[in-house]
Amino acid sequence: QIDWQSFQTPAEKKLASKHEHQMGDATRLLLYSL
């Protein structure tokens, strides 16, 4: 759905967000609170 940062190596296979602009409003609000 978004431009995930994709890690595909023998040590890791996962996705990570690149920027807060990819996140929804509730998610950003929680991250700012944390």
Full PDB file with SEQRES, HELIX, SHEET, SSBOND, CRYST1, ORIGX, SCALE, CONECT and MASTER records, all heavy atoms in Angstrom:
SEQRES   1 A   34  GLN ILE ASP TRP GLN SER PHE GLN THR PRO ALA GLU LYS          
SEQRES   2 A   34  LYS LEU ALA SER LYS HIS GLU HIS GLN MET GLY ASP ALA          
SEQRES   3 A   34  THR ARG LEU LEU LEU TYR SER LEU                              
HELIX    1 AA1 GLU A   20  GLN A   22  5                                   3    
HELIX    2 AA2 ASP A   25  SER A   33  1                                   9    
SHEET    1 AA1 2 GLN A   5  GLN A   8  0                                        
SHEET    2 AA1 2 LYS A  13  ALA A  16 -1                                        
CRYST1    1.000    1.000    1.000  90.00  90.00  90.00 P 1           1          
ORIGX1      1.000000  0.000000  0.000000        0.00000                         
ORIGX2      0.000000  1.000000  0.000000        0.00000                         
ORIGX3      0.000000  0.000000  1.000000        0.00000                         
SCALE1      1.000000  0.000000  0.000000        0.00000                         
SCALE2      0.000000  1.000000  0.000000        0.00000                         
SCALE3      0.000000  0.000000  1.000000        0.00000                         
ATOM      1  N   GLN A   1       0.803  -1.223   0.000  1.00  0.00           N  
ATOM      2  CA  GLN A   1       0.000   0.000   0.000  1.00  0.00           C  
ATOM      3  C   GLN A   1       0.837   1.275   0.000  1.00  0.00           C  
ATOM      4  O   GLN A   1       0.421   2.303  -0.511  1.00  0.00           O  
ATOM      5  CB  GLN A   1      -0.929  -0.008   1.217  1.00  0.00           C  
ATOM      6  CG  GLN A   1      -2.035   1.023   1.157  1.00  0.00           C  
ATOM      7  CD  GLN A   1      -3.032   0.834   2.289  1.00  0.00           C  
ATOM      8  OE1 GLN A   1      -3.055  -0.207   2.951  1.00  0.00           O  
ATOM      9  NE2 GLN A   1      -3.852   1.836   2.508  1.00  0.00           N  
ATOM     10  N   ILE A   2       2.029   1.232   0.609  1.00  0.00           N  
ATOM     11  CA  ILE A   2       2.924   2.383   0.634  1.00  0.00           C  
ATOM     12  C   ILE A   2       4.304   1.944   0.161  1.00  0.00           C  
ATOM     13  O   ILE A   2       4.548   0.761  -0.071  1.00  0.00           O  
ATOM     14  CB  ILE A   2       3.027   3.005   2.049  1.00  0.00           C  
ATOM     15  CG1 ILE A   2       3.642   1.996   3.031  1.00  0.00           C  
ATOM     16  CG2 ILE A   2       1.666   3.492   2.532  1.00  0.00           C  
ATOM     17  CD1 ILE A   2       3.970   2.580   4.398  1.00  0.00           C  
ATOM     18  N   ASP A   3       5.197   2.904   0.061  1.00  0.00           N  
ATOM     19  CA  ASP A   3       6.568   2.609  -0.351  1.00  0.00           C  
ATOM     20  C   ASP A   3       7.368   2.200   0.884  1.00  0.00           C  
ATOM     21  O   ASP A   3       8.098   2.992   1.479  1.00  0.00           O  
ATOM     22  CB  ASP A   3       7.187   3.842  -1.018  1.00  0.00           C  
ATOM     23  CG  ASP A   3       8.600   3.584  -1.506  1.00  0.00           C  
ATOM     24  OD1 ASP A   3       8.943   2.402  -1.719  1.00  0.00           O  
ATOM     25  OD2 ASP A   3       9.360   4.556  -1.663  1.00  0.00           O  
ATOM     26  N   TRP A   4       7.214   0.938   1.279  1.00  0.00           N  
ATOM     27  CA  TRP A   4       7.918   0.426   2.436  1.00  0.00           C  
ATOM     28  C   TRP A   4       9.416   0.328   2.160  1.00  0.00           C  
ATOM     29  O   TRP A   4       9.834   0.111   1.023  1.00  0.00           O  
ATOM     30  CB  TRP A   4       7.419  -0.973   2.796  1.00  0.00           C  
ATOM     31  CG  TRP A   4       6.037  -1.048   3.354  1.00  0.00           C  
ATOM     32  CD1 TRP A   4       4.889  -1.271   2.667  1.00  0.00           C  
ATOM     33  CD2 TRP A   4       5.651  -0.927   4.738  1.00  0.00           C  
ATOM     34  NE1 TRP A   4       3.809  -1.294   3.522  1.00  0.00           N  
ATOM     35  CE2 TRP A   4       4.247  -1.092   4.797  1.00  0.00           C  
ATOM     36  CE3 TRP A   4       6.360  -0.705   5.922  1.00  0.00           C  
ATOM     37  CZ2 TRP A   4       3.541  -1.028   6.002  1.00  0.00           C  
ATOM     38  CZ3 TRP A   4       5.663  -0.639   7.119  1.00  0.00           C  
ATOM     39  CH2 TRP A   4       4.267  -0.796   7.154  1.00  0.00           C  
ATOM     40  N   GLN A   5      10.204   0.460   3.193  1.00  0.00           N  
ATOM     41  CA  GLN A   5      11.609   0.105   3.112  1.00  0.00           C  
ATOM     42  C   GLN A   5      11.692  -1.396   3.308  1.00  0.00           C  
ATOM     43  O   GLN A   5      11.284  -1.912   4.347  1.00  0.00           O  
ATOM     44  CB  GLN A   5      12.416   0.839   4.185  1.00  0.00           C  
ATOM     45  CG  GLN A   5      13.908   0.625   4.092  1.00  0.00           C  
ATOM     46  CD  GLN A   5      14.673   1.439   5.114  1.00  0.00           C  
ATOM     47  OE1 GLN A   5      14.077   2.060   5.998  1.00  0.00           O  
ATOM     48  NE2 GLN A   5      15.992   1.444   5.025  1.00  0.00           N  
ATOM     49  N   SER A   6      12.196  -2.100   2.310  1.00  0.00           N  
ATOM     50  CA  SER A   6      12.200  -3.557   2.334  1.00  0.00           C  
ATOM     51  C   SER A   6      13.603  -4.087   2.617  1.00  0.00           C  
ATOM     52  O   SER A   6      14.570  -3.712   1.950  1.00  0.00           O  
ATOM     53  CB  SER A   6      11.715  -4.104   0.994  1.00  0.00           C  
ATOM     54  OG  SER A   6      11.724  -5.506   0.985  1.00  0.00           O  
ATOM     55  N   PHE A   7      13.701  -4.939   3.633  1.00  0.00           N  
ATOM     56  CA  PHE A   7      14.968  -5.589   3.974  1.00  0.00           C  
ATOM     57  C   PHE A   7      14.858  -7.057   3.578  1.00  0.00           C  
ATOM     58  O   PHE A   7      14.006  -7.782   4.088  1.00  0.00           O  
ATOM     59  CB  PHE A   7      15.248  -5.465   5.475  1.00  0.00           C  
ATOM     60  CG  PHE A   7      15.410  -4.044   5.951  1.00  0.00           C  
ATOM     61  CD1 PHE A   7      14.298  -3.288   6.310  1.00  0.00           C  
ATOM     62  CD2 PHE A   7      16.657  -3.464   6.035  1.00  0.00           C  
ATOM     63  CE1 PHE A   7      14.439  -1.981   6.755  1.00  0.00           C  
ATOM     64  CE2 PHE A   7      16.818  -2.157   6.472  1.00  0.00           C  
ATOM     65  CZ  PHE A   7      15.694  -1.412   6.829  1.00  0.00           C  
ATOM     66  N   GLN A   8      15.722  -7.491   2.677  1.00  0.00           N  
ATOM     67  CA  GLN A   8      15.698  -8.871   2.183  1.00  0.00           C  
ATOM     68  C   GLN A   8      17.119  -9.407   2.152  1.00  0.00           C  
ATOM     69  O   GLN A   8      17.808  -9.353   1.144  1.00  0.00           O  
ATOM     70  CB  GLN A   8      15.074  -8.908   0.774  1.00  0.00           C  
ATOM     71  CG  GLN A   8      13.682  -8.330   0.671  1.00  0.00           C  
ATOM     72  CD  GLN A   8      12.631  -9.220   1.315  1.00  0.00           C  
ATOM     73  OE1 GLN A   8      12.782 -10.444   1.370  1.00  0.00           O  
ATOM     74  NE2 GLN A   8      11.558  -8.616   1.809  1.00  0.00           N  
ATOM     75  N   THR A   9      17.581  -9.903   3.275  1.00  0.00           N  
ATOM     76  CA  THR A   9      18.940 -10.436   3.383  1.00  0.00           C  
ATOM     77  C   THR A   9      18.884 -11.762   4.140  1.00  0.00           C  
ATOM     78  O   THR A   9      17.837 -12.116   4.699  1.00  0.00           O  
ATOM     79  CB  THR A   9      19.867  -9.458   4.140  1.00  0.00           C  
ATOM     80  OG1 THR A   9      19.557  -9.508   5.545  1.00  0.00           O  
ATOM     81  CG2 THR A   9      19.719  -8.031   3.630  1.00  0.00           C  
ATOM     82  N   PRO A  10      19.993 -12.495   4.204  1.00  0.00           N  
ATOM     83  CA  PRO A  10      19.998 -13.731   5.004  1.00  0.00           C  
ATOM     84  C   PRO A  10      19.726 -13.492   6.487  1.00  0.00           C  
ATOM     85  O   PRO A  10      19.342 -14.418   7.203  1.00  0.00           O  
ATOM     86  CB  PRO A  10      21.413 -14.279   4.780  1.00  0.00           C  
ATOM     87  CG  PRO A  10      21.836 -13.722   3.469  1.00  0.00           C  
ATOM     88  CD  PRO A  10      21.233 -12.358   3.418  1.00  0.00           C  
ATOM     89  N   ALA A  11      19.904 -12.246   6.956  1.00  0.00           N  
ATOM     90  CA  ALA A  11      19.734 -11.946   8.380  1.00  0.00           C  
ATOM     91  C   ALA A  11      18.388 -11.311   8.702  1.00  0.00           C  
ATOM     92  O   ALA A  11      17.970 -11.310   9.864  1.00  0.00           O  
ATOM     93  CB  ALA A  11      20.857 -11.027   8.857  1.00  0.00           C  
ATOM     94  N   GLU A  12      17.701 -10.773   7.727  1.00  0.00           N  
ATOM     95  CA  GLU A  12      16.423 -10.109   7.991  1.00  0.00           C  
ATOM     96  C   GLU A  12      15.549 -10.074   6.744  1.00  0.00           C  
ATOM     97  O   GLU A  12      16.030  -9.912   5.626  1.00  0.00           O  
ATOM     98  CB  GLU A  12      16.641  -8.696   8.523  1.00  0.00           C  
ATOM     99  CG  GLU A  12      17.473  -7.804   7.628  1.00  0.00           C  
ATOM    100  CD  GLU A  12      17.753  -6.442   8.239  1.00  0.00           C  
ATOM    101  OE1 GLU A  12      16.943  -5.962   9.061  1.00  0.00           O  
ATOM    102  OE2 GLU A  12      18.776  -5.831   7.885  1.00  0.00           O  
ATOM    103  N   LYS A  13      14.277 -10.240   6.992  1.00  0.00           N  
ATOM    104  CA  LYS A  13      13.287 -10.155   5.935  1.00  0.00           C  
ATOM    105  C   LYS A  13      12.073  -9.452   6.529  1.00  0.00           C  
ATOM    106  O   LYS A  13      11.244 -10.069   7.200  1.00  0.00           O  
ATOM    107  CB  LYS A  13      12.912 -11.544   5.415  1.00  0.00           C  
ATOM    108  CG  LYS A  13      11.959 -11.538   4.232  1.00  0.00           C  
ATOM    109  CD  LYS A  13      11.674 -12.955   3.760  1.00  0.00           C  
ATOM    110  CE  LYS A  13      10.695 -12.935   2.579  1.00  0.00           C  
ATOM    111  NZ  LYS A  13      10.357 -14.320   2.130  1.00  0.00           N  
ATOM    112  N   LYS A  14      11.989  -8.131   6.312  1.00  0.00           N  
ATOM    113  CA  LYS A  14      10.955  -7.343   6.975  1.00  0.00           C  
ATOM    114  C   LYS A  14      10.684  -6.071   6.185  1.00  0.00           C  
ATOM    115  O   LYS A  14      11.407  -5.732   5.235  1.00  0.00           O  
ATOM    116  CB  LYS A  14      11.394  -6.981   8.391  1.00  0.00           C  
ATOM    117  CG  LYS A  14      12.569  -6.018   8.442  1.00  0.00           C  
ATOM    118  CD  LYS A  14      12.867  -5.557   9.858  1.00  0.00           C  
ATOM    119  CE  LYS A  14      13.902  -4.427   9.857  1.00  0.00           C  
ATOM    120  NZ  LYS A  14      14.155  -3.885  11.200  1.00  0.00           N  
ATOM    121  N   LEU A  15       9.647  -5.357   6.604  1.00  0.00           N  
ATOM    122  CA  LEU A  15       9.278  -4.072   6.025  1.00  0.00           C  
ATOM    123  C   LEU A  15       9.289  -3.013   7.122  1.00  0.00           C  
ATOM    124  O   LEU A  15       8.916  -3.285   8.263  1.00  0.00           O  
ATOM    125  CB  LEU A  15       7.881  -4.128   5.402  1.00  0.00           C  
ATOM    126  CG  LEU A  15       7.659  -5.164   4.301  1.00  0.00           C  
ATOM    127  CD1 LEU A  15       6.176  -5.215   3.914  1.00  0.00           C  
ATOM    128  CD2 LEU A  15       8.514  -4.849   3.073  1.00  0.00           C  
ATOM    129  N   ALA A  16       9.698  -1.799   6.766  1.00  0.00           N  
ATOM    130  CA  ALA A  16       9.701  -0.690   7.720  1.00  0.00           C  
ATOM    131  C   ALA A  16       9.281   0.580   7.008  1.00  0.00           C  
ATOM    132  O   ALA A  16       9.621   0.793   5.837  1.00  0.00           O  
ATOM    133  CB  ALA A  16      11.081  -0.515   8.337  1.00  0.00           C  
ATOM    134  N   SER A  17       8.538   1.431   7.694  1.00  0.00           N  
ATOM    135  CA  SER A  17       8.106   2.690   7.094  1.00  0.00           C  
ATOM    136  C   SER A  17       9.307   3.612   6.918  1.00  0.00           C  
ATOM    137  O   SER A  17      10.273   3.566   7.678  1.00  0.00           O  
ATOM    138  CB  SER A  17       7.059   3.366   7.978  1.00  0.00           C  
ATOM    139  OG  SER A  17       7.564   3.611   9.279  1.00  0.00           O  
ATOM    140  N   LYS A  18       9.225   4.471   5.904  1.00  0.00           N  
ATOM    141  CA  LYS A  18      10.326   5.383   5.613  1.00  0.00           C  
ATOM    142  C   LYS A  18      10.135   6.752   6.252  1.00  0.00           C  
ATOM    143  O   LYS A  18      11.112   7.447   6.532  1.00  0.00           O  
ATOM    144  CB  LYS A  18      10.483   5.552   4.097  1.00  0.00           C  
ATOM    145  CG  LYS A  18      10.959   4.314   3.370  1.00  0.00           C  
ATOM    146  CD  LYS A  18      11.120   4.608   1.888  1.00  0.00           C  
ATOM    147  CE  LYS A  18      11.646   3.395   1.137  1.00  0.00           C  
ATOM    148  NZ  LYS A  18      11.790   3.665  -0.323  1.00  0.00           N  
ATOM    149  N   HIS A  19       8.882   7.170   6.450  1.00  0.00           N  
ATOM    150  CA  HIS A  19       8.634   8.529   6.926  1.00  0.00           C  
ATOM    151  C   HIS A  19       7.266   8.609   7.571  1.00  0.00           C  
ATOM    152  O   HIS A  19       6.354   7.853   7.211  1.00  0.00           O  
ATOM    153  CB  HIS A  19       8.738   9.518   5.756  1.00  0.00           C  
ATOM    154  CG  HIS A  19       8.943  10.941   6.183  1.00  0.00           C  
ATOM    155  ND1 HIS A  19       7.906  11.721   6.635  1.00  0.00           N  
ATOM    156  CD2 HIS A  19      10.062  11.696   6.258  1.00  0.00           C  
ATOM    157  CE1 HIS A  19       8.382  12.929   6.954  1.00  0.00           C  
ATOM    158  NE2 HIS A  19       9.686  12.941   6.743  1.00  0.00           N  
ATOM    159  N   GLU A  20       7.093   9.527   8.499  1.00  0.00           N  
ATOM    160  CA  GLU A  20       5.806   9.689   9.168  1.00  0.00           C  
ATOM    161  C   GLU A  20       4.695  10.108   8.205  1.00  0.00           C  
ATOM    162  O   GLU A  20       3.512   9.907   8.485  1.00  0.00           O  
ATOM    163  CB  GLU A  20       5.912  10.705  10.300  1.00  0.00           C  
ATOM    164  CG  GLU A  20       6.223  12.118   9.844  1.00  0.00           C  
ATOM    165  CD  GLU A  20       6.407  13.059  11.020  1.00  0.00           C  
ATOM    166  OE1 GLU A  20       7.495  13.052  11.623  1.00  0.00           O  
ATOM    167  OE2 GLU A  20       5.463  13.799  11.325  1.00  0.00           O  
ATOM    168  N   HIS A  21       5.058  10.671   7.058  1.00  0.00           N  
ATOM    169  CA  HIS A  21       4.033  11.062   6.077  1.00  0.00           C  
ATOM    170  C   HIS A  21       3.274   9.858   5.535  1.00  0.00           C  
ATOM    171  O   HIS A  21       2.194  10.004   4.963  1.00  0.00           O  
ATOM    172  CB  HIS A  21       4.672  11.832   4.911  1.00  0.00           C  
ATOM    173  CG  HIS A  21       5.201  13.174   5.313  1.00  0.00           C  
ATOM    174  ND1 HIS A  21       6.075  13.900   4.533  1.00  0.00           N  
ATOM    175  CD2 HIS A  21       4.974  13.927   6.414  1.00  0.00           C  
ATOM    176  CE1 HIS A  21       6.366  15.039   5.134  1.00  0.00           C  
ATOM    177  NE2 HIS A  21       5.718  15.065   6.275  1.00  0.00           N  
ATOM    178  N   GLN A  22       3.841   8.673   5.708  1.00  0.00           N  
ATOM    179  CA  GLN A  22       3.177   7.445   5.264  1.00  0.00           C  
ATOM    180  C   GLN A  22       2.150   6.944   6.273  1.00  0.00           C  
ATOM    181  O   GLN A  22       1.462   5.969   6.005  1.00  0.00           O  
ATOM    182  CB  GLN A  22       4.226   6.346   5.031  1.00  0.00           C  
ATOM    183  CG  GLN A  22       5.252   6.661   3.956  1.00  0.00           C  
ATOM    184  CD  GLN A  22       6.307   5.569   3.843  1.00  0.00           C  
ATOM    185  OE1 GLN A  22       6.813   5.074   4.846  1.00  0.00           O  
ATOM    186  NE2 GLN A  22       6.638   5.182   2.624  1.00  0.00           N  
ATOM    187  N   MET A  23       2.062   7.595   7.407  1.00  0.00           N  
ATOM    188  CA  MET A  23       1.218   7.105   8.499  1.00  0.00           C  
ATOM    189  C   MET A  23      -0.092   7.878   8.577  1.00  0.00           C  
ATOM    190  O   MET A  23      -0.190   9.020   8.144  1.00  0.00           O  
ATOM    191  CB  MET A  23       1.969   7.249   9.829  1.00  0.00           C  
ATOM    192  CG  MET A  23       3.327   6.579   9.848  1.00  0.00           C  
ATOM    193  SD  MET A  23       4.232   6.997  11.367  1.00  0.00           S  
ATOM    194  CE  MET A  23       5.876   6.386  10.952  1.00  0.00           C  
ATOM    195  N   GLY A  24      -1.098   7.238   9.180  1.00  0.00           N  
ATOM    196  CA  GLY A  24      -2.373   7.886   9.396  1.00  0.00           C  
ATOM    197  C   GLY A  24      -2.321   8.856  10.564  1.00  0.00           C  
ATOM    198  O   GLY A  24      -1.361   8.901  11.326  1.00  0.00           O  
ATOM    199  N   ASP A  25      -3.385   9.645  10.712  1.00  0.00           N  
ATOM    200  CA  ASP A  25      -3.411  10.703  11.723  1.00  0.00           C  
ATOM    201  C   ASP A  25      -3.351  10.152  13.147  1.00  0.00           C  
ATOM    202  O   ASP A  25      -2.635  10.684  14.004  1.00  0.00           O  
ATOM    203  CB  ASP A  25      -4.669  11.563  11.552  1.00  0.00           C  
ATOM    204  CG  ASP A  25      -4.637  12.409  10.295  1.00  0.00           C  
ATOM    205  OD1 ASP A  25      -3.520  12.704   9.820  1.00  0.00           O  
ATOM    206  OD2 ASP A  25      -5.707  12.774   9.787  1.00  0.00           O  
ATOM    207  N   ALA A  26      -4.100   9.101  13.425  1.00  0.00           N  
ATOM    208  CA  ALA A  26      -4.094   8.537  14.780  1.00  0.00           C  
ATOM    209  C   ALA A  26      -2.729   7.965  15.114  1.00  0.00           C  
ATOM    210  O   ALA A  26      -2.242   8.090  16.248  1.00  0.00           O  
ATOM    211  CB  ALA A  26      -5.175   7.468  14.901  1.00  0.00           C  
ATOM    212  N   THR A  27      -2.080   7.350  14.128  1.00  0.00           N  
ATOM    213  CA  THR A  27      -0.754   6.778  14.342  1.00  0.00           C  
ATOM    214  C   THR A  27       0.252   7.876  14.646  1.00  0.00           C  
ATOM    215  O   THR A  27       1.051   7.767  15.595  1.00  0.00           O  
ATOM    216  CB  THR A  27      -0.302   5.993  13.096  1.00  0.00           C  
ATOM    217  OG1 THR A  27      -1.273   4.992  12.801  1.00  0.00           O  
ATOM    218  CG2 THR A  27       1.047   5.331  13.338  1.00  0.00           C  
ATOM    219  N   ARG A  28       0.224   8.942  13.878  1.00  0.00           N  
ATOM    220  CA  ARG A  28       1.147  10.048  14.122  1.00  0.00           C  
ATOM    221  C   ARG A  28       0.929  10.664  15.500  1.00  0.00           C  
ATOM    222  O   ARG A  28       1.888  10.961  16.223  1.00  0.00           O  
ATOM    223  CB  ARG A  28       0.964  11.140  13.057  1.00  0.00           C  
ATOM    224  CG  ARG A  28       1.535  10.785  11.707  1.00  0.00           C  
ATOM    225  CD  ARG A  28       1.728  12.048  10.894  1.00  0.00           C  
ATOM    226  NE  ARG A  28       1.287  11.865   9.534  1.00  0.00           N  
ATOM    227  CZ  ARG A  28       1.338  12.815   8.611  1.00  0.00           C  
ATOM    228  NH1 ARG A  28       1.765  14.010   8.927  1.00  0.00           N  
ATOM    229  NH2 ARG A  28       0.930  12.577   7.378  1.00  0.00           N  
ATOM    230  N   LEU A  29      -0.326  10.847  15.876  1.00  0.00           N  
ATOM    231  CA  LEU A  29      -0.635  11.432  17.170  1.00  0.00           C  
ATOM    232  C   LEU A  29      -0.065  10.573  18.304  1.00  0.00           C  
ATOM    233  O   LEU A  29       0.509  11.093  19.267  1.00  0.00           O  
ATOM    234  CB  LEU A  29      -2.145  11.587  17.342  1.00  0.00           C  
ATOM    235  CG  LEU A  29      -2.621  12.141  18.697  1.00  0.00           C  
ATOM    236  CD1 LEU A  29      -2.039  13.529  18.939  1.00  0.00           C  
ATOM    237  CD2 LEU A  29      -4.145  12.187  18.759  1.00  0.00           C  
ATOM    238  N   LEU A  30      -0.195   9.259  18.179  1.00  0.00           N  
ATOM    239  CA  LEU A  30       0.342   8.377  19.203  1.00  0.00           C  
ATOM    240  C   LEU A  30       1.865   8.459  19.241  1.00  0.00           C  
ATOM    241  O   LEU A  30       2.468   8.565  20.320  1.00  0.00           O  
ATOM    242  CB  LEU A  30      -0.097   6.934  18.963  1.00  0.00           C  
ATOM    243  CG  LEU A  30       0.512   5.897  19.926  1.00  0.00           C  
ATOM    244  CD1 LEU A  30       0.185   6.241  21.372  1.00  0.00           C  
ATOM    245  CD2 LEU A  30       0.035   4.493  19.582  1.00  0.00           C  
ATOM    246  N   LEU A  31       2.515   8.434  18.084  1.00  0.00           N  
ATOM    247  CA  LEU A  31       3.969   8.510  18.054  1.00  0.00           C  
ATOM    248  C   LEU A  31       4.468   9.817  18.650  1.00  0.00           C  
ATOM    249  O   LEU A  31       5.464   9.840  19.393  1.00  0.00           O  
ATOM    250  CB  LEU A  31       4.487   8.342  16.623  1.00  0.00           C  
ATOM    251  CG  LEU A  31       4.276   6.973  15.984  1.00  0.00           C  
ATOM    252  CD1 LEU A  31       4.900   6.933  14.590  1.00  0.00           C  
ATOM    253  CD2 LEU A  31       4.861   5.859  16.831  1.00  0.00           C  
ATOM    254  N   TYR A  32       3.781  10.926  18.345  1.00  0.00           N  
ATOM    255  CA  TYR A  32       4.169  12.202  18.932  1.00  0.00           C  
ATOM    256  C   TYR A  32       4.010  12.153  20.455  1.00  0.00           C  
ATOM    257  O   TYR A  32       4.847  12.674  21.198  1.00  0.00           O  
ATOM    258  CB  TYR A  32       3.308  13.339  18.376  1.00  0.00           C  
ATOM    259  CG  TYR A  32       3.434  13.569  16.891  1.00  0.00           C  
ATOM    260  CD1 TYR A  32       2.440  14.247  16.189  1.00  0.00           C  
ATOM    261  CD2 TYR A  32       4.538  13.113  16.156  1.00  0.00           C  
ATOM    262  CE1 TYR A  32       2.532  14.468  14.824  1.00  0.00           C  
ATOM    263  CE2 TYR A  32       4.633  13.321  14.794  1.00  0.00           C  
ATOM    264  CZ  TYR A  32       3.625  14.003  14.128  1.00  0.00           C  
ATOM    265  OH  TYR A  32       3.723  14.213  12.777  1.00  0.00           O  
ATOM    266  N   SER A  33       2.953  11.514  20.922  1.00  0.00           N  
ATOM    267  CA  SER A  33       2.720  11.404  22.370  1.00  0.00           C  
ATOM    268  C   SER A  33       3.809  10.572  23.035  1.00  0.00           C  
ATOM    269  O   SER A  33       4.237  10.861  24.156  1.00  0.00           O  
ATOM    270  CB  SER A  33       1.351  10.772  22.644  1.00  0.00           C  
ATOM    271  OG  SER A  33       0.301  11.591  22.160  1.00  0.00           O  
ATOM    272  N   LEU A  34       4.265   9.539  22.336  1.00  0.00           N  
ATOM    273  CA  LEU A  34       5.309   8.679  22.886  1.00  0.00           C  
ATOM    274  C   LEU A  34       6.689   9.339  22.846  1.00  0.00           C  
ATOM    275  O   LEU A  34       7.648   8.805  23.414  1.00  0.00           O  
ATOM    276  CB  LEU A  34       5.342   7.344  22.136  1.00  0.00           C  
ATOM    277  CG  LEU A  34       4.073   6.490  22.286  1.00  0.00           C  
ATOM    278  CD1 LEU A  34       4.142   5.266  21.397  1.00  0.00           C  
ATOM    279  CD2 LEU A  34       3.845   6.086  23.743  1.00  0.00           C  
TER     280      LEU A  34                                                      
MASTER        0    0    0    2    2    0    0    6  279    1    0    3          
END                                                                             
